[in-house]
Amino acid sequence: MASPTNKAFLLVKIIRTKGFKLAHDNNELGHGHSTAAWSAVIVAVLGVTLLTLGVCLPESTITVVGTIVTAISFFVGPVLAKLGYGVAGKK
């Protein structure tokens, strides 16, 4: 009986011979390793941190600012990617 490791290698070999692409193949564009992705994540973490502080310390101003910053983070990545800072961008 094959060990789990051997089964995994066999599965990878079958997938590659059938033409499927794995996440770590050389022609992959990336996994969010770009200025746009990291900026979006940093803004989201900042927003959630402010939101958490605003809820824990009953301070409505911090809660509203955290909510706004978190909402803005959803648009930071796509906007920067369109400006050329994404994985396939030139900057």
Protein backbone atom coordinates (compact mmCIF):
# COMPACT_ATOMS: atom_id res chain seq x y z
CA MET A 1 0.00 0.00 0.00
CA ALA A 2 1.32 3.44 -0.94
CA SER A 3 2.04 6.01 1.73
CA PRO A 4 0.11 9.32 1.75
CA THR A 5 3.18 11.12 0.44
CA ASN A 6 3.51 8.76 -2.51
CA LYS A 7 -0.19 9.15 -3.23
CA ALA A 8 0.22 12.92 -3.32
CA PHE A 9 3.13 12.68 -5.76
CA LEU A 10 1.15 10.27 -7.91
CA LEU A 11 -1.82 12.65 -7.92
CA VAL A 12 0.41 15.57 -8.96
CA LYS A 13 1.88 13.45 -11.77
CA ILE A 14 -1.61 12.51 -13.00
CA ILE A 15 -2.78 16.12 -12.88
CA ARG A 16 0.24 17.36 -14.83
CA THR A 17 -0.10 14.70 -17.53
CA LYS A 18 -3.78 15.58 -17.99
CA GLY A 19 -2.95 19.22 -18.73
CA PHE A 20 -4.14 20.80 -15.49
CA LYS A 21 -2.09 23.69 -14.14
CA LEU A 22 -1.02 23.77 -10.53
CA ALA A 23 -0.70 26.94 -8.47
CA HIS A 24 3.08 26.77 -8.39
CA ASP A 25 3.63 26.34 -12.13
CA ASN A 26 6.09 28.78 -13.66
CA ASN A 27 3.56 30.54 -15.89
CA GLU A 28 1.40 31.70 -13.00
CA LEU A 29 1.04 35.47 -12.75
CA GLY A 30 1.35 35.48 -8.98
CA HIS A 31 -0.52 35.09 -5.76
CA GLY A 32 -1.12 38.69 -4.82
CA HIS A 33 2.55 39.59 -4.66
CA SER A 34 2.09 43.12 -5.89
CA THR A 35 1.98 46.65 -4.59
CA ALA A 36 -1.76 46.79 -5.26
CA ALA A 37 -2.52 43.65 -3.25
CA TRP A 38 -0.31 44.55 -0.31
CA SER A 39 -1.69 48.09 -0.18
CA ALA A 40 -5.26 46.79 -0.11
CA VAL A 41 -4.42 44.37 2.70
CA ILE A 42 -2.62 47.01 4.77
CA VAL A 43 -5.52 49.47 4.42
CA ALA A 44 -8.00 46.71 5.33
CA VAL A 45 -6.02 45.72 8.44
CA LEU A 46 -5.79 49.35 9.49
CA GLY A 47 -9.54 49.80 9.01
CA VAL A 48 -10.44 46.65 10.94
CA THR A 49 -8.06 47.65 13.74
CA LEU A 50 -9.71 51.05 14.03
CA LEU A 51 -13.14 49.44 13.88
CA THR A 52 -12.22 47.01 16.64
CA LEU A 53 -10.87 49.79 18.84
CA GLY A 54 -14.00 51.83 18.24
CA VAL A 55 -16.22 48.95 19.32
CA CYS A 56 -14.11 47.97 22.35
CA LEU A 57 -13.75 51.55 23.53
CA PRO A 58 -17.30 52.80 23.04
CA GLU A 59 -16.20 55.58 20.72
CA SER A 60 -18.48 56.12 17.75
CA THR A 61 -16.06 58.39 15.86
CA ILE A 62 -13.34 55.72 15.73
CA THR A 63 -15.95 53.12 14.74
CA VAL A 64 -17.17 55.23 11.83
CA VAL A 65 -13.63 56.02 10.66
CA GLY A 66 -12.72 52.31 10.86
CA THR A 67 -15.79 51.41 8.83
CA ILE A 68 -14.95 53.99 6.15
CA VAL A 69 -11.29 52.92 5.93
CA THR A 70 -12.32 49.26 5.67
CA ALA A 71 -14.80 50.09 2.90
CA ILE A 72 -12.14 52.08 1.03
CA SER A 73 -9.79 49.09 1.18
CA PHE A 74 -12.09 47.16 -1.19
CA PHE A 75 -11.31 49.69 -3.92
CA VAL A 76 -7.59 50.27 -3.26
CA GLY A 77 -6.38 47.01 -4.88
CA PRO A 78 -8.36 47.20 -8.13
CA VAL A 79 -7.62 50.92 -8.60
CA LEU A 80 -3.88 50.42 -8.09
CA ALA A 81 -3.95 47.36 -10.38
CA LYS A 82 -5.58 49.46 -13.12
CA LEU A 83 -2.84 52.07 -12.61
CA GLY A 84 -0.18 49.41 -13.30
CA TYR A 85 0.77 48.33 -9.79
CA GLY A 86 -0.87 44.88 -10.03
CA VAL A 87 0.75 41.51 -10.69
CA ALA A 88 0.69 41.98 -14.45
CA GLY A 89 1.40 45.71 -14.23
CA LYS A 90 4.44 47.49 -15.54
CA LYS A 91 5.33 49.34 -12.36
